[in-house]
């Protein structure tokens, strides 16, 4: 679909997708780089048990 839409027969999402998004949505990538990310994630009891190796 992107090849036809962009008129670039060699376009592949894995190779060119991120560059396309950076060009078309620079505001997203500017904020994404500077946005703080959580250092800790809350998980439920079931997942906690599985991660600890207990069943």
N, C-alpha and C. Protein backbone atom coordinates (compact mmCIF):
# COMPACT_ATOMS: atom_id res chain seq x y z
N UNK A 1 0.83 -1.18 0.00
CA UNK A 1 0.00 0.00 0.00
C UNK A 1 0.88 1.26 0.00
N UNK A 2 1.88 1.30 0.87
CA UNK A 2 2.73 2.48 0.94
C UNK A 2 3.53 2.68 -0.34
N UNK A 3 3.95 1.60 -0.95
CA UNK A 3 4.70 1.71 -2.21
C UNK A 3 3.88 2.44 -3.25
N UNK A 4 2.63 2.06 -3.36
CA UNK A 4 1.77 2.69 -4.37
C UNK A 4 1.43 4.12 -3.97
N UNK A 5 1.07 4.31 -2.71
CA UNK A 5 0.68 5.63 -2.22
C UNK A 5 1.82 6.65 -2.35
N UNK A 6 3.02 6.23 -1.99
CA UNK A 6 4.17 7.13 -2.04
C UNK A 6 4.85 7.16 -3.40
N UNK A 7 4.42 6.24 -4.28
CA UNK A 7 5.03 6.10 -5.61
C UNK A 7 6.53 5.81 -5.51
N UNK A 8 6.85 4.93 -4.55
CA UNK A 8 8.23 4.49 -4.35
C UNK A 8 8.23 2.96 -4.32
N UNK A 9 8.54 2.33 -5.45
CA UNK A 9 8.45 0.88 -5.53
C UNK A 9 9.39 0.14 -4.58
N UNK A 10 10.45 0.76 -4.14
CA UNK A 10 11.40 0.10 -3.25
C UNK A 10 11.13 0.33 -1.77
N UNK A 11 10.02 0.98 -1.45
CA UNK A 11 9.71 1.31 -0.05
C UNK A 11 9.37 0.05 0.74
N UNK A 12 10.00 -0.10 1.90
CA UNK A 12 9.61 -1.14 2.85
C UNK A 12 9.46 -0.48 4.21
N UNK A 13 8.46 -0.92 4.94
CA UNK A 13 8.20 -0.30 6.24
C UNK A 13 9.37 -0.50 7.19
N UNK A 14 9.96 -1.70 7.18
CA UNK A 14 11.05 -1.97 8.12
C UNK A 14 12.26 -1.10 7.86
N UNK A 15 12.53 -0.78 6.61
CA UNK A 15 13.69 0.05 6.28
C UNK A 15 13.39 1.54 6.30
N UNK A 16 12.22 1.94 5.84
CA UNK A 16 11.94 3.35 5.61
C UNK A 16 10.82 3.93 6.47
N UNK A 17 10.13 3.08 7.22
CA UNK A 17 8.95 3.52 7.97
C UNK A 17 9.25 4.59 9.01
N UNK A 18 10.29 4.39 9.80
CA UNK A 18 10.59 5.36 10.85
C UNK A 18 10.99 6.71 10.27
N UNK A 19 11.76 6.70 9.21
CA UNK A 19 12.16 7.96 8.56
C UNK A 19 10.93 8.69 8.01
N UNK A 20 9.99 7.93 7.46
CA UNK A 20 8.75 8.53 6.96
C UNK A 20 7.98 9.19 8.09
N UNK A 21 7.84 8.50 9.21
CA UNK A 21 7.13 9.08 10.35
C UNK A 21 7.85 10.30 10.90
N UNK A 22 9.16 10.27 10.94
CA UNK A 22 9.93 11.42 11.42
C UNK A 22 9.69 12.65 10.54
N UNK A 23 9.60 12.42 9.23
CA UNK A 23 9.35 13.54 8.32
C UNK A 23 7.92 14.05 8.42
N UNK A 24 6.96 13.12 8.52
CA UNK A 24 5.55 13.51 8.49
C UNK A 24 4.99 13.94 9.84
N UNK A 25 5.59 13.48 10.94
CA UNK A 25 5.10 13.81 12.29
C UNK A 25 6.27 14.21 13.19
N UNK A 26 6.99 15.25 12.83
CA UNK A 26 8.16 15.63 13.64
C UNK A 26 7.78 16.02 15.06
N UNK A 27 6.60 16.58 15.26
CA UNK A 27 6.18 16.98 16.60
C UNK A 27 6.09 15.78 17.53
N UNK A 28 5.73 14.60 17.01
CA UNK A 28 5.64 13.40 17.84
C UNK A 28 7.04 12.95 18.27
N UNK A 29 7.97 12.93 17.33
CA UNK A 29 9.31 12.45 17.65
C UNK A 29 10.08 13.44 18.51
N UNK A 30 9.83 14.72 18.36
CA UNK A 30 10.50 15.71 19.22
C UNK A 30 10.07 15.51 20.66
N UNK A 31 8.77 15.31 20.89
CA UNK A 31 8.27 15.11 22.24
C UNK A 31 8.62 13.74 22.78
N UNK A 32 8.67 12.74 21.92
CA UNK A 32 8.93 11.37 22.34
C UNK A 32 10.32 11.24 22.94
N UNK A 33 11.29 11.90 22.36
CA UNK A 33 12.67 11.81 22.84
C UNK A 33 12.83 12.43 24.22
N UNK A 34 12.11 13.50 24.49
CA UNK A 34 12.28 14.23 25.75
C UNK A 34 11.27 13.83 26.82
N UNK A 35 10.32 13.01 26.49
CA UNK A 35 9.27 12.64 27.41
C UNK A 35 9.80 11.67 28.47
N UNK A 36 9.55 11.96 29.75
CA UNK A 36 10.04 11.04 30.78
C UNK A 36 9.29 9.71 30.72
N UNK A 37 10.00 8.64 31.00
CA UNK A 37 9.40 7.32 31.01
C UNK A 37 9.44 6.77 32.42
N UNK A 38 8.45 5.98 32.78
CA UNK A 38 8.45 5.44 34.14
C UNK A 38 9.58 4.44 34.34
N UNK A 39 10.17 4.45 35.52
CA UNK A 39 11.23 3.51 35.84
C UNK A 39 10.68 2.22 36.43
N UNK A 40 9.44 2.26 36.86
CA UNK A 40 8.82 1.10 37.49
C UNK A 40 7.44 0.89 36.86
N UNK A 41 7.08 -0.36 36.65
CA UNK A 41 5.76 -0.69 36.14
C UNK A 41 5.01 -1.52 37.17
N UNK A 42 3.76 -1.19 37.37
CA UNK A 42 2.93 -1.96 38.28
C UNK A 42 2.40 -3.19 37.57
N UNK A 43 2.53 -4.36 38.20
CA UNK A 43 2.00 -5.58 37.61
C UNK A 43 1.10 -6.27 38.63
N UNK A 44 0.21 -7.09 38.17
CA UNK A 44 -0.73 -7.78 39.04
C UNK A 44 -0.11 -8.99 39.73
N UNK A 45 -0.86 -9.58 40.64
CA UNK A 45 -0.38 -10.73 41.42
C UNK A 45 -0.04 -11.93 40.54
N UNK A 46 -0.87 -12.20 39.55
CA UNK A 46 -0.62 -13.37 38.69
C UNK A 46 0.69 -13.23 37.90
N UNK A 47 0.89 -12.08 37.31
CA UNK A 47 2.11 -11.85 36.56
C UNK A 47 3.33 -11.85 37.49
N UNK A 48 3.18 -11.28 38.65
CA UNK A 48 4.25 -11.27 39.63
C UNK A 48 4.66 -12.69 40.01
N UNK A 49 3.68 -13.55 40.19
CA UNK A 49 3.96 -14.94 40.52
C UNK A 49 4.68 -15.64 39.38
N UNK A 50 4.24 -15.40 38.16
CA UNK A 50 4.89 -16.02 36.99
C UNK A 50 6.32 -15.53 36.81
N UNK A 51 6.55 -14.27 37.05
CA UNK A 51 7.91 -13.71 36.91
C UNK A 51 8.83 -14.30 37.97
N UNK A 52 8.31 -14.50 39.15
CA UNK A 52 9.11 -15.05 40.24
C UNK A 52 9.38 -16.55 40.06
N UNK A 53 8.69 -17.19 39.11
CA UNK A 53 8.91 -18.59 38.84
C UNK A 53 8.06 -19.52 39.68
N UNK A 54 7.16 -18.98 40.47
CA UNK A 54 6.25 -19.80 41.29
C UNK A 54 4.99 -20.08 40.50
N UNK A 55 4.40 -21.24 40.71
CA UNK A 55 3.16 -21.57 40.00
C UNK A 55 2.09 -21.95 40.94
